[in-house]
Amino acid sequence: MRAVLCKEYGPPEKLVLEQINSPKPGEGEVVVSVKACGVNFPDTLIIEGKYQFKPEFPFTPGGEVAGVIKELGPNVENVKVGDRVIAFNTWGGFAEEILVEANRTMKIPDQMDFIHAAGFVLTYGTSMHALKDRGALKSGETLLVLGASGGVGLSAIQLGKTIGAKVIAAASSDQKLSVCRANGAHELINYTTEDLRSRVKEITKGQGVDVIYDPVGGKFSQLAVRDMAWKGRYLVIGFATGEIPKIPLNLVLLKGCSIVGVFWGQFTQREINENSINNRELMQMFADGKIKPHIHAIYPLEKAADALNEVLLKKVSGKVILTTEKE
C-alpha cells in the first residue's frame, strides 16, 4: 500500500510517499481501507516533533480517516468487514490503509459521504466535548470563538448555535469572517482591524461572554479573559499560533471564572461511554442538517505536503481533506 512517511522531523517537504506492507490486525484491532483523511493542525506539529506524542520513525501522520473495514482481528464485535466507518487515531491516516483499535471506529450514516466523514469526528468531537462537557454552554449564553474560521472553530460555531447560544466569531480577515457568518455566527469581530475588547463590550453591552473557545492561544487570549462574564468558562483547546499565553490568575479571581482544559484525545480513551454518547448526538445533528463540515480543499495523497502547508500558513477556512484516489 502507499503511505506518506515522516522519516525525520521537519517541514512538510520532508515527507515521502512510498510503498509499504499492509498492516495486520491484532486482538481487538481492525484494518481500514482509507478513502479520505482529514488534515489537522496537530499533523503539522507531529512531523516537526512539537506534538505531545512522538512516534518512532518512520511514521505516517494523519489521525482522522473515513473508509471501509478491510480486515478484523480476534474478538472484534462492533464492526464487520465492509462497514463504512470513521476511524480516529493519533497518526497513521495519510495512507491507503490504517490499523486502529476497533473501539476507535464509528459507523458512517448512509447520508454522509467519505469526504465529509473524514472532516467530522476530530473537530466536532473536540467541540462537543468542549462546549457540552467542559464548558456546560447553555441556551441564551454568549459564546466567543477565537480563530473561528478553522475546522474546530467552525464546528464550535455550528454547535454553539445548535445549543442556542449567541455566537461571536473572531478571525483575522473579513473573508474568513464571511465563512463564519455562513456557518451560523451571529456577530463578527475582525481582530486585525478592530479592537477585540471594545467590540466584545459593545456586543455584550458590557456583560462579557459566558464561554470562550480558544484553539489559537497567543496575544488575544488574555484580552478575551478580561472580558469574561461572572462565572465564565475559558476553554483551552490548543495553541495554533505557537504561543502559549500566560494568564494572570488575579483575572480569574476577579471574574469568578474558570480556565478549563479540553483534551479530547484523552477523553475518548478515559471516558469511552461518554464519548460514544457524544458521537451519537453528533451523528443525529448531522442527519438533522444542523451541522456539516465546511470543506476548504481536497488534495490527493501525493500532495500531502501542499495540504499541510495550507494549514501551516493559516490559509484554511474549515477542513482540508486528502483522498487516496490516484491522480
Protein backbone atom coordinates (compact mmCIF):
# COMPACT_ATOMS: atom_id res chain seq x y z
CA MET A 1 0.00 0.00 0.00
CA ARG A 2 1.02 3.65 -0.42
CA ALA A 3 1.75 5.73 2.67
CA VAL A 4 3.10 9.20 3.39
CA LEU A 5 6.12 8.73 5.68
CA CYS A 6 7.90 11.01 8.09
CA LYS A 7 11.47 9.73 8.39
CA GLU A 8 12.90 12.78 10.15
CA TYR A 9 11.44 15.85 11.80
CA GLY A 10 11.00 18.84 9.57
CA PRO A 11 8.61 20.77 7.30
CA PRO A 12 6.03 19.03 5.10
CA GLU A 13 8.50 18.93 2.20
CA LYS A 14 10.49 16.30 4.14
CA LEU A 15 7.65 13.78 3.81
CA VAL A 16 7.89 10.98 1.25
CA LEU A 17 5.29 8.78 -0.41
CA GLU A 18 6.34 5.13 -0.51
CA GLN A 19 5.03 1.61 -0.86
CA ILE A 20 4.97 -0.26 2.48
CA ASN A 21 3.50 -3.52 3.74
CA SER A 22 -0.17 -3.63 4.65
CA PRO A 23 -0.83 -3.81 8.41
CA LYS A 24 -2.24 -6.92 10.10
CA PRO A 25 -4.80 -6.57 12.90
CA GLY A 26 -4.19 -7.99 16.36
CA GLU A 27 -6.56 -8.55 19.26
CA GLY A 28 -9.38 -6.00 19.16
CA GLU A 29 -7.98 -4.24 16.10
CA VAL A 30 -9.19 -3.60 12.55
CA VAL A 31 -7.64 -2.57 9.26
CA VAL A 32 -9.50 0.20 7.44
CA SER A 33 -9.11 0.86 3.72
CA VAL A 34 -8.79 4.64 3.76
CA LYS A 35 -10.88 6.64 1.31
CA ALA A 36 -10.25 10.10 2.78
CA CYS A 37 -8.30 11.64 5.64
CA GLY A 38 -8.70 14.96 7.41
CA VAL A 39 -5.68 17.26 7.68
CA ASN A 40 -5.46 18.94 11.08
CA PHE A 41 -3.15 21.33 12.89
CA PRO A 42 -1.70 18.56 15.14
CA ASP A 43 -0.46 16.85 11.97
CA THR A 44 1.81 19.83 11.34
CA LEU A 45 3.16 19.57 14.89
CA ILE A 46 3.81 15.83 14.92
CA ILE A 47 6.02 15.92 11.81
CA GLU A 48 8.14 18.65 13.40
CA GLY A 49 8.49 16.86 16.75
CA LYS A 50 6.43 19.52 18.54
CA TYR A 51 3.45 17.36 19.49
CA GLN A 52 2.94 15.72 22.90
CA PHE A 53 3.18 12.29 21.25
CA LYS A 54 6.32 11.33 19.35
CA PRO A 55 6.01 8.07 17.37
CA GLU A 56 9.08 6.16 16.24
CA PHE A 57 10.42 6.83 12.74
CA PRO A 58 9.23 6.22 10.14
CA PHE A 59 5.62 7.07 10.87
CA THR A 60 2.62 8.29 8.91
CA PRO A 61 0.81 11.47 10.05
CA GLY A 62 -2.95 11.82 9.99
CA GLY A 63 -5.39 10.90 12.72
CA GLU A 64 -8.87 11.27 11.21
CA VAL A 65 -9.94 8.93 8.40
CA ALA A 66 -13.01 7.62 6.66
CA GLY A 67 -13.07 4.33 4.80
CA VAL A 68 -14.20 0.71 4.73
CA ILE A 69 -13.36 -2.11 7.15
CA LYS A 70 -10.97 -4.43 5.31
CA GLU A 71 -9.96 -6.96 7.98
CA LEU A 72 -10.81 -7.81 11.60
CA GLY A 73 -8.57 -9.02 14.38
CA PRO A 74 -9.76 -11.50 17.02
CA ASN A 75 -12.66 -10.52 19.31
CA VAL A 76 -13.99 -7.59 17.30
CA GLU A 77 -17.76 -7.38 17.55
CA ASN A 78 -18.76 -3.75 16.97
CA VAL A 79 -17.99 -3.71 13.22
CA LYS A 80 -17.73 -6.15 10.33
CA VAL A 81 -15.82 -6.33 7.04
CA GLY A 82 -17.36 -3.94 4.52
CA ASP A 83 -18.71 -1.45 7.04
CA ARG A 84 -18.26 2.24 6.18
CA VAL A 85 -16.58 3.86 9.17
CA ILE A 86 -14.82 6.87 10.59
CA ALA A 87 -11.63 5.90 12.40
CA PHE A 88 -9.57 8.14 14.65
CA ASN A 89 -6.01 7.64 15.79
CA THR A 90 -3.08 9.87 16.73
CA TRP A 91 -1.25 9.06 13.49
CA GLY A 92 -1.30 6.63 10.55
CA GLY A 93 -4.02 8.14 8.37
CA PHE A 94 -2.13 9.54 5.35
CA ALA A 95 -2.10 6.09 3.77
CA GLU A 96 -4.24 3.66 1.82
CA GLU A 97 -4.77 1.54 4.95
CA ILE A 98 -4.69 2.20 8.68
CA LEU A 99 -4.56 -0.11 11.70
CA VAL A 100 -6.74 1.05 14.62
CA GLU A 101 -8.40 -0.32 17.72
CA ALA A 102 -11.96 -1.36 16.88
CA ASN A 103 -13.35 0.87 19.65
CA ARG A 104 -11.84 3.86 17.85
CA THR A 105 -14.18 3.45 14.90
CA MET A 106 -17.77 4.52 14.35
CA LYS A 107 -20.12 3.67 11.53
CA ILE A 108 -20.89 6.33 8.93
CA PRO A 109 -24.60 7.04 8.32
CA ASP A 110 -25.83 6.46 4.78
CA GLN A 111 -26.30 10.19 4.13
CA MET A 112 -22.64 11.03 4.95
CA ASP A 113 -20.00 10.70 2.21
CA PHE A 114 -16.34 9.85 2.87
CA ILE A 115 -15.13 13.43 2.31
CA HIS A 116 -17.38 14.94 4.98
CA ALA A 117 -16.86 11.94 7.25
CA ALA A 118 -13.09 12.49 7.18
CA GLY A 119 -13.58 16.06 8.39
CA PHE A 120 -16.06 15.25 11.10
CA VAL A 121 -15.01 13.34 14.19
CA LEU A 122 -11.94 15.23 15.44
CA THR A 123 -13.32 18.74 15.02
CA TYR A 124 -16.89 18.09 16.12
CA GLY A 125 -15.77 15.62 18.80
CA THR A 126 -13.45 18.25 20.24
CA SER A 127 -16.06 21.00 20.14
CA MET A 128 -18.82 18.81 21.55
CA HIS A 129 -16.62 17.73 24.47
CA ALA A 130 -15.54 21.34 24.99
CA LEU A 131 -18.92 23.04 24.87
CA LYS A 132 -21.07 20.32 26.44
CA ASP A 133 -18.82 18.50 28.92
CA ARG A 134 -16.23 21.12 29.88
CA GLY A 135 -17.94 24.45 29.21
CA ALA A 136 -21.54 23.49 30.07
CA LEU A 137 -22.72 26.01 27.47
CA LYS A 138 -26.43 26.76 27.83
CA SER A 139 -29.09 28.23 25.59
CA GLY A 140 -29.15 32.00 25.94
CA GLU A 141 -25.48 32.31 26.93
CA THR A 142 -22.84 34.07 24.86
CA LEU A 143 -20.01 32.12 23.20
CA LEU A 144 -16.86 33.79 21.82
CA VAL A 145 -14.90 31.65 19.34
CA LEU A 146 -11.32 32.73 18.63
CA GLY A 147 -9.70 31.55 15.40
CA ALA A 148 -13.25 30.94 14.36
CA SER A 149 -12.71 30.13 10.67
CA GLY A 150 -10.62 26.99 11.26
CA GLY A 151 -12.03 23.48 11.34
CA VAL A 152 -12.64 23.34 15.08
CA GLY A 153 -13.72 26.98 15.13
CA LEU A 154 -16.47 26.45 12.57
CA SER A 155 -17.63 23.31 14.34
CA ALA A 156 -17.85 25.30 17.59
CA ILE A 157 -19.93 27.98 15.84
CA GLN A 158 -22.35 25.40 14.46
CA LEU A 159 -22.67 23.56 17.77
CA GLY A 160 -22.99 26.78 19.76
CA LYS A 161 -25.83 27.89 17.54
CA THR A 162 -27.49 24.47 17.80
CA ILE A 163 -27.29 24.66 21.61
CA GLY A 164 -28.98 28.07 21.45
CA ALA A 165 -26.10 30.35 22.38
CA LYS A 166 -25.36 33.75 20.89
CA VAL A 167 -22.15 33.08 18.92
CA ILE A 168 -19.47 35.73 18.38
CA ALA A 169 -16.83 34.73 15.81
CA ALA A 170 -13.39 36.34 15.88
CA ALA A 171 -10.96 35.87 12.99
CA SER A 172 -8.18 37.69 11.16
CA SER A 173 -9.87 38.73 7.91
CA ASP A 174 -13.24 39.72 6.51
CA GLN A 175 -13.05 36.80 4.07
CA LYS A 176 -12.69 34.32 6.93
CA LEU A 177 -15.47 36.02 8.84
CA SER A 178 -17.82 35.69 5.88
CA VAL A 179 -17.36 31.91 6.16
CA CYS A 180 -18.11 32.16 9.89
CA ARG A 181 -21.31 34.07 9.12
CA ALA A 182 -22.34 31.42 6.58
CA ASN A 183 -21.83 28.76 9.26
CA GLY A 184 -24.09 30.42 11.79
CA ALA A 185 -22.17 33.14 13.67
CA HIS A 186 -24.41 35.91 14.97
CA GLU A 187 -21.70 38.56 15.47
CA LEU A 188 -18.27 39.05 13.87
CA ILE A 189 -15.01 40.58 15.08
CA ASN A 190 -12.02 41.14 12.80
CA TYR A 191 -9.24 41.26 15.37
CA THR A 192 -6.75 42.51 12.79
CA THR A 193 -8.65 45.74 12.17
CA GLU A 194 -10.91 46.01 15.24
CA ASP A 195 -10.22 46.18 18.97
CA LEU A 196 -11.31 42.85 20.44
CA ARG A 197 -12.15 44.18 23.90
CA SER A 198 -14.19 47.16 22.77
CA ARG A 199 -16.15 45.04 20.30
CA VAL A 200 -16.91 42.39 22.95
CA LYS A 201 -18.11 45.13 25.32
CA GLU A 202 -20.27 46.59 22.56
CA ILE A 203 -21.82 43.28 21.54
CA THR A 204 -22.47 42.08 25.11
CA LYS A 205 -23.50 45.53 26.41
CA GLY A 206 -20.71 45.32 28.95
CA GLN A 207 -21.80 41.97 30.40
CA GLY A 208 -18.94 39.94 28.90
CA VAL A 209 -19.01 36.47 27.38
CA ASP A 210 -20.03 33.31 29.23
CA VAL A 211 -17.79 30.86 27.34
CA ILE A 212 -14.60 31.45 25.35
CA TYR A 213 -13.46 28.77 22.91
CA ASP A 214 -9.74 29.25 22.21
CA PRO A 215 -7.87 26.96 19.80
CA VAL A 216 -5.18 29.53 18.95
CA GLY A 217 -3.56 30.96 22.09
CA GLY A 218 -1.29 33.95 21.65
CA LYS A 219 -1.85 37.61 22.40
CA PHE A 220 -5.65 37.66 22.24
CA SER A 221 -6.17 35.08 24.98
CA GLN A 222 -5.54 37.40 27.93
CA LEU A 223 -7.59 40.15 26.28
CA ALA A 224 -10.52 37.77 25.94
CA VAL A 225 -10.29 36.68 29.58
CA ARG A 226 -10.54 40.31 30.66
CA ASP A 227 -14.00 40.47 29.09
CA MET A 228 -15.49 37.32 30.53
CA ALA A 229 -18.81 37.38 32.33
CA TRP A 230 -19.08 36.48 36.01
CA LYS A 231 -18.56 32.70 36.38
CA GLY A 232 -17.48 32.44 32.74
CA ARG A 233 -15.61 29.43 31.37
CA TYR A 234 -12.47 29.80 29.29
CA LEU A 235 -11.85 26.65 27.21
CA VAL A 236 -8.22 25.87 26.37
CA ILE A 237 -8.38 23.95 23.07
CA GLY A 238 -4.89 24.45 21.61
CA PHE A 239 -2.17 26.84 20.54
CA ALA A 240 -2.29 27.27 16.77
CA THR A 241 -0.23 30.47 16.99
CA GLY A 242 2.58 28.53 18.63
CA GLU A 243 2.47 30.85 21.64
CA ILE A 244 1.16 29.53 24.96
CA PRO A 245 -0.44 32.52 26.73
CA LYS A 246 0.26 33.42 30.36
CA ILE A 247 -2.99 34.36 32.06
CA PRO A 248 -2.69 36.46 35.27
CA LEU A 249 -4.56 34.49 37.92
CA ASN A 250 -5.90 37.66 39.54
CA LEU A 251 -8.21 37.95 36.49
CA VAL A 252 -9.62 34.52 37.26
CA LEU A 253 -10.23 35.56 40.87
CA LEU A 254 -11.88 38.87 39.98
CA LYS A 255 -14.14 37.32 37.34
CA GLY A 256 -15.03 34.27 39.41
CA CYS A 257 -14.32 32.42 36.19
CA SER A 258 -12.79 29.06 35.31
CA ILE A 259 -9.94 28.14 32.95
CA VAL A 260 -10.77 24.67 31.68
CA GLY A 261 -8.52 22.30 29.74
CA VAL A 262 -10.00 20.38 26.81
CA PHE A 263 -8.10 17.24 25.75
CA TRP A 264 -10.48 15.31 23.52
CA GLY A 265 -7.95 12.58 22.71
CA GLN A 266 -7.64 11.57 26.37
CA PHE A 267 -11.39 11.93 26.86
CA THR A 268 -12.02 9.32 24.15
CA GLN A 269 -9.75 6.87 25.99
CA ARG A 270 -10.73 7.59 29.60
CA GLU A 271 -14.47 8.13 29.16
CA ILE A 272 -15.40 5.77 26.35
CA ASN A 273 -19.11 5.61 27.12
CA GLU A 274 -19.50 9.39 27.38
CA ASN A 275 -17.63 9.83 24.09
CA SER A 276 -19.95 7.32 22.42
CA ILE A 277 -22.96 9.27 23.65
CA ASN A 278 -21.49 12.48 22.20
CA ASN A 279 -20.80 10.77 18.87
CA ARG A 280 -24.37 9.51 18.62
CA GLU A 281 -25.68 13.00 19.34
CA LEU A 282 -23.38 14.48 16.70
CA MET A 283 -24.48 11.96 14.08
CA GLN A 284 -28.10 12.82 14.79
CA MET A 285 -27.33 16.53 14.44
CA PHE A 286 -25.72 15.82 11.07
CA ALA A 287 -28.71 13.74 9.97
CA ASP A 288 -31.00 16.61 11.01
CA GLY A 289 -28.98 19.08 8.95
CA LYS A 290 -27.83 21.12 11.96
CA ILE A 291 -24.09 20.58 11.49
CA LYS A 292 -21.89 19.85 8.47
CA PRO A 293 -18.12 20.18 7.92
CA HIS A 294 -17.10 23.10 5.72
CA ILE A 295 -14.65 21.67 3.15
CA HIS A 296 -11.95 24.15 2.15
CA ALA A 297 -9.98 21.97 -0.28
CA ILE A 298 -9.39 18.34 -1.35
CA TYR A 299 -5.93 17.01 -2.26
CA PRO A 300 -4.67 13.62 -3.46
CA LEU A 301 -2.29 11.68 -1.22
CA GLU A 302 0.60 12.71 -3.47
CA LYS A 303 0.12 16.33 -2.43
CA ALA A 304 0.05 15.83 1.34
CA ALA A 305 2.82 18.44 1.75
CA ASP A 306 0.72 21.06 -0.07
CA ALA A 307 -2.27 20.28 2.15
CA LEU A 308 -0.19 20.57 5.33
CA ASN A 309 1.34 23.85 4.17
CA GLU A 310 -2.13 25.34 3.67
CA VAL A 311 -2.85 24.57 7.31
CA LEU A 312 0.55 25.86 8.45
CA LEU A 313 0.15 29.13 6.55
CA LYS A 314 -3.34 29.62 8.05
CA LYS A 315 -4.98 29.79 4.64
CA VAL A 316 -7.72 27.36 5.58
CA SER A 317 -11.35 28.09 6.38
CA GLY A 318 -12.83 24.80 7.51
CA LYS A 319 -11.28 21.45 6.61
CA VAL A 320 -8.64 20.22 4.19
CA ILE A 321 -9.07 16.60 3.09
CA LEU A 322 -6.68 14.09 1.48
CA THR A 323 -8.05 11.33 -0.72
CA THR A 324 -6.38 8.07 -1.67
CA GLU A 325 -7.56 8.19 -5.27
CA LYS A 326 -4.53 8.37 -7.58
CA GLU A 327 -4.06 11.49 -9.70
